[in-house]
N, C-alpha and C. Protein backbone atom coordinates (compact mmCIF):
# COMPACT_ATOMS: atom_id res chain seq x y z
N MET A 1 39.05 5.11 -47.50
CA MET A 1 38.36 6.30 -47.13
C MET A 1 39.04 7.50 -47.74
N ALA A 2 38.22 8.30 -48.29
CA ALA A 2 38.73 9.49 -48.93
C ALA A 2 38.52 10.69 -48.01
N VAL A 3 39.52 11.49 -47.90
CA VAL A 3 39.45 12.69 -47.07
C VAL A 3 38.93 13.82 -47.94
N VAL A 4 37.87 14.41 -47.51
CA VAL A 4 37.28 15.50 -48.27
C VAL A 4 37.82 16.81 -47.73
N GLU A 5 38.38 17.57 -48.60
CA GLU A 5 38.90 18.89 -48.19
C GLU A 5 37.87 19.95 -48.50
N HIS A 6 37.62 20.75 -47.50
CA HIS A 6 36.70 21.87 -47.68
C HIS A 6 37.52 23.13 -47.86
N PRO A 7 37.03 23.98 -48.69
CA PRO A 7 37.77 25.24 -48.86
C PRO A 7 37.74 26.05 -47.58
N PRO A 8 38.79 26.76 -47.26
CA PRO A 8 38.84 27.55 -46.02
C PRO A 8 37.72 28.59 -46.01
N VAL A 9 37.10 28.70 -44.86
CA VAL A 9 36.01 29.66 -44.69
C VAL A 9 36.61 30.97 -44.19
N ALA A 10 36.33 32.03 -44.91
CA ALA A 10 36.83 33.34 -44.50
C ALA A 10 35.87 33.93 -43.47
N LEU A 11 36.39 34.12 -42.27
CA LEU A 11 35.58 34.71 -41.20
C LEU A 11 35.69 36.22 -41.28
N SER A 12 34.55 36.85 -41.33
CA SER A 12 34.58 38.32 -41.34
C SER A 12 34.74 38.81 -39.90
N PRO A 13 35.47 39.89 -39.70
CA PRO A 13 35.64 40.39 -38.34
C PRO A 13 34.30 40.81 -37.75
N VAL A 14 34.13 40.49 -36.49
CA VAL A 14 32.88 40.83 -35.80
C VAL A 14 32.95 42.29 -35.39
N GLU A 15 31.95 43.03 -35.79
CA GLU A 15 31.90 44.44 -35.43
C GLU A 15 31.10 44.58 -34.14
N VAL A 16 31.74 45.16 -33.15
CA VAL A 16 31.10 45.34 -31.85
C VAL A 16 30.65 46.79 -31.77
N ASP A 17 29.40 46.99 -31.46
CA ASP A 17 28.86 48.34 -31.30
C ASP A 17 29.03 48.75 -29.85
N GLU A 18 30.00 49.61 -29.59
CA GLU A 18 30.30 50.04 -28.22
C GLU A 18 29.49 51.26 -27.80
N ARG A 19 28.66 51.78 -28.68
CA ARG A 19 27.95 53.02 -28.36
C ARG A 19 27.08 52.89 -27.11
N ALA A 20 26.36 51.79 -26.99
CA ALA A 20 25.48 51.63 -25.82
C ALA A 20 26.30 51.52 -24.53
N ALA A 21 27.40 50.78 -24.59
CA ALA A 21 28.26 50.65 -23.40
C ALA A 21 28.88 51.99 -23.04
N ARG A 22 29.35 52.74 -24.04
CA ARG A 22 29.94 54.06 -23.79
C ARG A 22 28.91 55.01 -23.20
N ARG A 23 27.71 55.00 -23.75
CA ARG A 23 26.64 55.87 -23.26
C ARG A 23 26.32 55.54 -21.81
N SER A 24 26.23 54.25 -21.50
CA SER A 24 25.94 53.84 -20.13
C SER A 24 27.04 54.27 -19.17
N LEU A 25 28.30 54.08 -19.56
CA LEU A 25 29.42 54.47 -18.70
C LEU A 25 29.46 55.99 -18.51
N ARG A 26 29.22 56.74 -19.62
CA ARG A 26 29.22 58.20 -19.50
C ARG A 26 28.10 58.67 -18.59
N ASP A 27 26.93 58.03 -18.66
CA ASP A 27 25.82 58.38 -17.77
C ASP A 27 26.17 58.09 -16.32
N GLN A 28 26.81 56.95 -16.07
CA GLN A 28 27.22 56.61 -14.70
C GLN A 28 28.25 57.60 -14.17
N ILE A 29 29.20 57.99 -15.02
CA ILE A 29 30.23 58.95 -14.63
C ILE A 29 29.60 60.30 -14.32
N ALA A 30 28.66 60.73 -15.18
CA ALA A 30 27.98 62.02 -14.94
C ALA A 30 27.21 62.00 -13.63
N LYS A 31 26.54 60.90 -13.33
CA LYS A 31 25.78 60.79 -12.07
C LYS A 31 26.72 60.86 -10.87
N LEU A 32 27.85 60.16 -10.95
CA LEU A 32 28.80 60.18 -9.84
C LEU A 32 29.40 61.57 -9.67
N GLU A 33 29.68 62.26 -10.78
CA GLU A 33 30.22 63.62 -10.69
C GLU A 33 29.20 64.57 -10.06
N ARG A 34 27.91 64.41 -10.41
CA ARG A 34 26.88 65.25 -9.80
C ARG A 34 26.80 64.99 -8.30
N GLU A 35 26.86 63.72 -7.90
CA GLU A 35 26.79 63.39 -6.48
C GLU A 35 28.01 63.92 -5.72
N LEU A 36 29.18 63.85 -6.34
CA LEU A 36 30.40 64.38 -5.70
C LEU A 36 30.30 65.90 -5.57
N ALA A 37 29.79 66.56 -6.60
CA ALA A 37 29.61 68.02 -6.54
C ALA A 37 28.58 68.39 -5.48
N ALA A 38 27.49 67.63 -5.38
CA ALA A 38 26.47 67.90 -4.36
C ALA A 38 27.05 67.72 -2.96
N ALA A 39 27.90 66.71 -2.78
CA ALA A 39 28.55 66.51 -1.47
C ALA A 39 29.47 67.68 -1.16
N PHE A 40 30.16 68.20 -2.17
CA PHE A 40 31.06 69.35 -1.99
C PHE A 40 30.26 70.58 -1.55
N VAL A 41 29.17 70.85 -2.24
CA VAL A 41 28.35 72.01 -1.91
C VAL A 41 27.70 71.84 -0.54
N GLY A 42 27.24 70.64 -0.25
CA GLY A 42 26.60 70.38 1.05
C GLY A 42 27.56 70.45 2.21
N ALA A 43 28.84 70.26 1.95
CA ALA A 43 29.84 70.29 3.02
C ALA A 43 30.26 71.70 3.40
N PHE A 44 29.93 72.69 2.59
CA PHE A 44 30.35 74.05 2.87
C PHE A 44 29.79 74.49 4.21
N PRO A 45 30.50 75.15 5.07
CA PRO A 45 31.82 75.74 5.00
C PRO A 45 32.92 74.88 5.61
N ARG A 46 32.71 73.59 5.71
CA ARG A 46 33.71 72.72 6.33
C ARG A 46 34.99 72.68 5.50
N HIS A 47 36.10 72.57 6.21
CA HIS A 47 37.41 72.49 5.56
C HIS A 47 38.04 71.14 5.86
N GLY A 48 39.05 70.78 5.09
CA GLY A 48 39.84 69.58 5.37
C GLY A 48 39.25 68.30 4.84
N ILE A 49 38.26 68.37 3.98
CA ILE A 49 37.71 67.16 3.37
C ILE A 49 38.26 67.05 1.97
N ASP A 50 38.88 65.93 1.66
CA ASP A 50 39.52 65.75 0.37
C ASP A 50 38.51 65.20 -0.63
N PHE A 51 38.09 66.05 -1.56
CA PHE A 51 37.15 65.63 -2.58
C PHE A 51 37.86 65.07 -3.80
N GLY A 52 39.17 65.26 -3.89
CA GLY A 52 39.94 64.71 -4.99
C GLY A 52 39.74 65.43 -6.30
N PHE A 53 39.26 66.68 -6.27
CA PHE A 53 39.09 67.41 -7.51
C PHE A 53 40.45 67.71 -8.11
N GLY A 54 40.56 67.54 -9.39
CA GLY A 54 41.79 67.85 -10.09
C GLY A 54 42.84 66.77 -9.99
N THR A 55 42.52 65.62 -9.44
CA THR A 55 43.53 64.58 -9.30
C THR A 55 43.56 63.63 -10.49
N SER A 56 42.48 63.56 -11.25
CA SER A 56 42.47 62.64 -12.38
C SER A 56 42.72 63.42 -13.66
N ARG A 57 43.78 63.06 -14.35
CA ARG A 57 44.13 63.72 -15.60
C ARG A 57 44.37 62.65 -16.64
N ALA A 58 43.90 62.94 -17.83
CA ALA A 58 44.12 62.01 -18.94
C ALA A 58 45.54 62.22 -19.47
N PRO A 59 46.35 61.16 -19.51
CA PRO A 59 47.69 61.33 -20.05
C PRO A 59 47.63 61.59 -21.55
N GLY A 60 48.42 62.55 -22.00
CA GLY A 60 48.46 62.83 -23.42
C GLY A 60 47.40 63.80 -23.89
N GLY A 61 46.67 64.42 -23.00
CA GLY A 61 45.70 65.42 -23.39
C GLY A 61 44.35 64.82 -23.75
N PRO A 62 43.49 65.62 -24.36
CA PRO A 62 42.15 65.16 -24.68
C PRO A 62 42.15 64.07 -25.74
N ARG A 63 41.33 63.09 -25.54
CA ARG A 63 41.19 62.00 -26.51
C ARG A 63 39.98 61.18 -26.12
N MET A 64 39.59 60.25 -26.99
CA MET A 64 38.46 59.39 -26.68
C MET A 64 38.97 58.22 -25.86
N LEU A 65 38.36 58.01 -24.70
CA LEU A 65 38.80 56.95 -23.80
C LEU A 65 38.22 55.61 -24.25
N SER A 66 39.00 54.58 -24.00
CA SER A 66 38.52 53.23 -24.30
C SER A 66 37.51 52.81 -23.23
N LEU A 67 36.82 51.71 -23.44
CA LEU A 67 35.86 51.22 -22.46
C LEU A 67 36.54 50.94 -21.12
N GLY A 68 37.72 50.35 -21.16
CA GLY A 68 38.45 50.06 -19.93
C GLY A 68 38.80 51.33 -19.18
N GLU A 69 39.21 52.37 -19.91
CA GLU A 69 39.56 53.63 -19.25
C GLU A 69 38.31 54.30 -18.67
N LEU A 70 37.20 54.23 -19.39
CA LEU A 70 35.95 54.78 -18.86
C LEU A 70 35.54 54.05 -17.58
N GLU A 71 35.71 52.74 -17.57
CA GLU A 71 35.39 51.97 -16.36
C GLU A 71 36.28 52.37 -15.20
N ARG A 72 37.57 52.62 -15.48
CA ARG A 72 38.49 53.05 -14.42
C ARG A 72 38.09 54.43 -13.88
N VAL A 73 37.69 55.34 -14.78
CA VAL A 73 37.24 56.66 -14.34
C VAL A 73 36.01 56.52 -13.45
N ARG A 74 35.06 55.69 -13.87
CA ARG A 74 33.84 55.46 -13.08
C ARG A 74 34.18 54.88 -11.72
N ASP A 75 35.05 53.87 -11.71
CA ASP A 75 35.42 53.23 -10.44
C ASP A 75 36.15 54.19 -9.51
N ASP A 76 37.01 55.05 -10.09
CA ASP A 76 37.74 56.04 -9.28
C ASP A 76 36.76 57.04 -8.67
N LEU A 77 35.79 57.50 -9.46
CA LEU A 77 34.79 58.43 -8.93
C LEU A 77 33.95 57.79 -7.84
N ALA A 78 33.56 56.54 -8.04
CA ALA A 78 32.76 55.84 -7.02
C ALA A 78 33.55 55.69 -5.73
N GLU A 79 34.83 55.37 -5.85
CA GLU A 79 35.68 55.21 -4.66
C GLU A 79 35.84 56.54 -3.93
N ARG A 80 36.06 57.64 -4.68
CA ARG A 80 36.18 58.95 -4.06
C ARG A 80 34.90 59.36 -3.37
N LEU A 81 33.75 59.07 -3.99
CA LEU A 81 32.47 59.43 -3.40
C LEU A 81 32.23 58.68 -2.10
N VAL A 82 32.60 57.42 -2.05
CA VAL A 82 32.46 56.64 -0.81
C VAL A 82 33.34 57.25 0.29
N GLY A 83 34.58 57.61 -0.06
CA GLY A 83 35.50 58.22 0.91
C GLY A 83 34.98 59.55 1.43
N VAL A 84 34.44 60.37 0.53
CA VAL A 84 33.92 61.68 0.93
C VAL A 84 32.71 61.51 1.83
N ARG A 85 31.83 60.60 1.48
CA ARG A 85 30.66 60.37 2.33
C ARG A 85 31.05 59.87 3.71
N ARG A 86 32.08 59.05 3.78
CA ARG A 86 32.56 58.56 5.07
C ARG A 86 33.12 59.72 5.89
N GLN A 87 33.92 60.59 5.26
CA GLN A 87 34.47 61.74 5.97
C GLN A 87 33.37 62.67 6.46
N LEU A 88 32.37 62.91 5.61
CA LEU A 88 31.27 63.79 6.01
C LEU A 88 30.46 63.19 7.15
N HIS A 89 30.26 61.89 7.13
CA HIS A 89 29.54 61.22 8.21
C HIS A 89 30.30 61.33 9.52
N GLU A 90 31.61 61.09 9.47
CA GLU A 90 32.43 61.19 10.68
C GLU A 90 32.42 62.63 11.21
N ARG A 91 32.52 63.59 10.30
CA ARG A 91 32.51 64.99 10.70
C ARG A 91 31.16 65.37 11.32
N ALA A 92 30.06 64.88 10.73
CA ALA A 92 28.73 65.18 11.26
C ALA A 92 28.55 64.61 12.66
N GLU A 93 29.08 63.42 12.90
CA GLU A 93 28.99 62.83 14.24
C GLU A 93 29.78 63.66 15.25
N ALA A 94 30.98 64.09 14.86
CA ALA A 94 31.81 64.91 15.76
C ALA A 94 31.12 66.25 16.04
N GLU A 95 30.52 66.86 15.02
CA GLU A 95 29.83 68.13 15.21
C GLU A 95 28.62 67.97 16.12
N GLU A 96 27.90 66.87 15.97
CA GLU A 96 26.75 66.61 16.84
C GLU A 96 27.19 66.46 18.29
N ALA A 97 28.30 65.78 18.51
CA ALA A 97 28.82 65.63 19.87
C ALA A 97 29.20 66.99 20.46
N ARG A 98 29.80 67.86 19.65
CA ARG A 98 30.17 69.19 20.15
C ARG A 98 28.93 70.04 20.42
N ARG A 99 27.88 69.90 19.58
CA ARG A 99 26.63 70.63 19.83
C ARG A 99 25.99 70.19 21.15
N GLU A 100 26.02 68.89 21.42
CA GLU A 100 25.48 68.40 22.69
C GLU A 100 26.29 68.93 23.87
N LEU A 101 27.61 68.98 23.71
CA LEU A 101 28.45 69.55 24.76
C LEU A 101 28.11 71.01 24.99
N LEU A 102 27.91 71.76 23.92
CA LEU A 102 27.56 73.18 24.05
C LEU A 102 26.22 73.35 24.78
N GLU A 103 25.25 72.51 24.46
CA GLU A 103 23.97 72.59 25.16
C GLU A 103 24.15 72.36 26.66
N ARG A 104 24.96 71.36 27.01
CA ARG A 104 25.21 71.10 28.43
C ARG A 104 25.96 72.25 29.08
N MET A 105 26.90 72.85 28.33
CA MET A 105 27.65 74.00 28.86
C MET A 105 26.70 75.17 29.15
N LEU A 106 25.75 75.39 28.25
CA LEU A 106 24.83 76.50 28.43
C LEU A 106 23.89 76.26 29.62
N LEU A 107 23.53 75.00 29.85
CA LEU A 107 22.64 74.68 30.96
C LEU A 107 23.35 74.73 32.31
N GLU A 108 24.57 74.21 32.37
CA GLU A 108 25.31 74.15 33.63
C GLU A 108 26.76 74.58 33.42
N PRO A 109 27.01 75.87 33.28
CA PRO A 109 28.38 76.31 33.02
C PRO A 109 29.37 75.97 34.13
N GLY A 110 28.92 75.86 35.36
CA GLY A 110 29.82 75.56 36.47
C GLY A 110 30.44 74.17 36.38
N ARG A 111 29.81 73.26 35.68
CA ARG A 111 30.35 71.90 35.53
C ARG A 111 31.39 71.82 34.39
N TYR A 112 31.47 72.86 33.57
CA TYR A 112 32.35 72.82 32.39
C TYR A 112 33.33 73.99 32.41
N LYS A 113 34.00 74.20 33.53
CA LYS A 113 34.91 75.33 33.70
C LYS A 113 36.02 75.27 32.66
N TRP A 114 36.22 76.42 32.00
CA TRP A 114 37.29 76.64 31.03
C TRP A 114 37.13 75.84 29.73
N VAL A 115 36.01 75.18 29.52
CA VAL A 115 35.79 74.42 28.28
C VAL A 115 35.49 75.41 27.16
N ARG A 116 36.04 75.13 25.99
CA ARG A 116 35.89 76.01 24.82
C ARG A 116 35.43 75.17 23.64
N VAL A 117 34.40 75.67 22.94
CA VAL A 117 33.90 75.03 21.73
C VAL A 117 33.91 76.08 20.64
N THR A 118 34.59 75.79 19.53
CA THR A 118 34.68 76.76 18.44
C THR A 118 33.57 76.54 17.42
N ALA A 119 33.32 77.58 16.64
CA ALA A 119 32.30 77.49 15.59
C ALA A 119 32.72 76.47 14.54
N ARG A 120 33.99 76.34 14.29
CA ARG A 120 34.46 75.34 13.32
C ARG A 120 34.13 73.93 13.78
N GLU A 121 34.28 73.68 15.09
CA GLU A 121 33.94 72.35 15.63
C GLU A 121 32.44 72.06 15.51
N LEU A 122 31.64 73.12 15.43
CA LEU A 122 30.20 72.97 15.29
C LEU A 122 29.76 72.93 13.83
N GLY A 123 30.72 73.14 12.90
CA GLY A 123 30.40 73.14 11.48
C GLY A 123 29.78 74.44 11.01
N ARG A 124 30.05 75.54 11.71
CA ARG A 124 29.44 76.83 11.40
C ARG A 124 30.39 77.81 10.76
N GLY A 125 31.54 77.42 10.35
CA GLY A 125 32.49 78.35 9.77
C GLY A 125 33.73 78.49 10.62
N ASP A 126 34.50 79.52 10.33
CA ASP A 126 35.80 79.68 10.98
C ASP A 126 35.75 80.52 12.25
N CYS A 127 34.90 81.51 12.29
CA CYS A 127 34.94 82.49 13.38
C CYS A 127 33.98 82.14 14.50
N GLY A 128 34.39 82.48 15.69
CA GLY A 128 33.52 82.36 16.85
C GLY A 128 33.90 81.22 17.77
N ALA A 129 33.55 81.41 19.05
CA ALA A 129 33.82 80.38 20.05
C ALA A 129 32.90 80.60 21.25
N TYR A 130 32.63 79.52 21.95
CA TYR A 130 31.87 79.52 23.20
C TYR A 130 32.84 79.06 24.28
N HIS A 131 33.02 79.88 25.30
CA HIS A 131 34.04 79.60 26.30
C HIS A 131 33.43 79.80 27.69
N VAL A 132 33.53 78.78 28.54
CA VAL A 132 33.04 78.91 29.91
C VAL A 132 34.13 79.62 30.72
N ARG A 133 33.73 80.78 31.28
CA ARG A 133 34.68 81.62 32.02
C ARG A 133 34.02 82.10 33.31
N PRO A 134 34.83 82.51 34.26
CA PRO A 134 34.22 83.06 35.48
C PRO A 134 33.67 84.47 35.21
N ARG A 135 32.51 84.74 35.79
CA ARG A 135 31.92 86.07 35.68
C ARG A 135 32.66 86.96 36.68
N LEU A 136 33.05 88.14 36.28
CA LEU A 136 33.75 89.12 37.12
C LEU A 136 35.15 88.65 37.53
N GLY A 137 35.81 87.90 36.65
CA GLY A 137 37.20 87.53 36.85
C GLY A 137 37.45 86.65 38.06
N ILE A 138 38.48 87.01 38.85
CA ILE A 138 38.90 86.20 39.99
C ILE A 138 37.82 86.14 41.07
N VAL A 139 37.07 87.22 41.21
CA VAL A 139 35.99 87.23 42.21
C VAL A 139 34.94 86.20 41.83
N GLY A 140 34.56 86.17 40.56
CA GLY A 140 33.58 85.21 40.09
C GLY A 140 34.07 83.78 40.21
N MET A 141 35.38 83.59 40.00
CA MET A 141 35.95 82.24 40.12
C MET A 141 35.86 81.79 41.58
N LEU A 142 36.19 82.68 42.51
CA LEU A 142 36.13 82.33 43.93
C LEU A 142 34.70 82.11 44.41
N MET A 143 33.77 82.84 43.81
CA MET A 143 32.36 82.74 44.22
C MET A 143 31.62 81.63 43.46
N GLY A 144 32.25 81.07 42.43
CA GLY A 144 31.59 80.02 41.66
C GLY A 144 30.61 80.54 40.63
N TRP A 145 30.84 81.80 40.15
CA TRP A 145 29.96 82.38 39.16
C TRP A 145 30.56 82.14 37.77
N TRP A 146 30.03 81.19 37.07
CA TRP A 146 30.54 80.84 35.74
C TRP A 146 29.46 81.11 34.70
N HIS A 147 29.90 81.52 33.52
CA HIS A 147 28.98 81.74 32.40
C HIS A 147 29.68 81.42 31.09
N VAL A 148 28.89 81.28 30.05
CA VAL A 148 29.43 80.99 28.71
C VAL A 148 29.57 82.30 27.97
N LYS A 149 30.79 82.60 27.60
CA LYS A 149 31.06 83.83 26.85
C LYS A 149 31.11 83.46 25.38
N ILE A 150 30.38 84.22 24.58
CA ILE A 150 30.34 83.97 23.14
C ILE A 150 31.21 85.02 22.46
N SER A 151 32.18 84.54 21.72
CA SER A 151 33.10 85.43 21.03
C SER A 151 32.88 85.33 19.54
N SER A 152 32.92 86.49 18.85
CA SER A 152 32.79 86.44 17.39
C SER A 152 34.03 85.80 16.80
N GLY A 153 35.18 86.04 17.43
CA GLY A 153 36.41 85.39 17.00
C GLY A 153 37.00 85.90 15.72
N CYS A 154 36.30 86.71 14.97
CA CYS A 154 36.82 87.22 13.70
C CYS A 154 37.63 88.46 13.95
N PRO A 155 38.91 88.43 13.65
CA PRO A 155 39.73 89.63 13.86
C PRO A 155 39.37 90.69 12.83
N LEU A 156 39.57 91.93 13.22
CA LEU A 156 39.33 93.03 12.29
C LEU A 156 40.41 92.99 11.22
N SER A 157 40.04 93.37 10.02
CA SER A 157 41.04 93.38 8.95
C SER A 157 42.04 94.48 9.21
N THR A 158 43.30 94.22 8.92
CA THR A 158 44.34 95.20 9.20
C THR A 158 44.70 95.95 7.96
């Protein structure tokens, strides 16, 4: 038996067109950034929610990211968006509970003596509070005359 030798076949490198994958990843990143920005705007004037703006920086300055790096950016944005939505949902539930408490305070102030609900707890900004207090001071306390006092809470600028 004779062994037939074939000349080596030169394989040309396979050219991969990454343009479609890059375009798709950039579109996904843009959509997530829009949703994160919309959540930020919709959360106003609430404070204390970490949106993670400014936390992702490309090492070495501006450059074209690889597909893997684009995927990491997309995954990081998706993770941040899920966290922000969870925080906003928890905050909305807490604010709804405080609004219900305020409604009950307004209906029956005598049952909620000395209870205070701030505008921040209601998601309305920093200033203001609703406080159940006796009407006419000590006399009102002895007589059982309670009412909800609404305070602007904003100090005058000095």
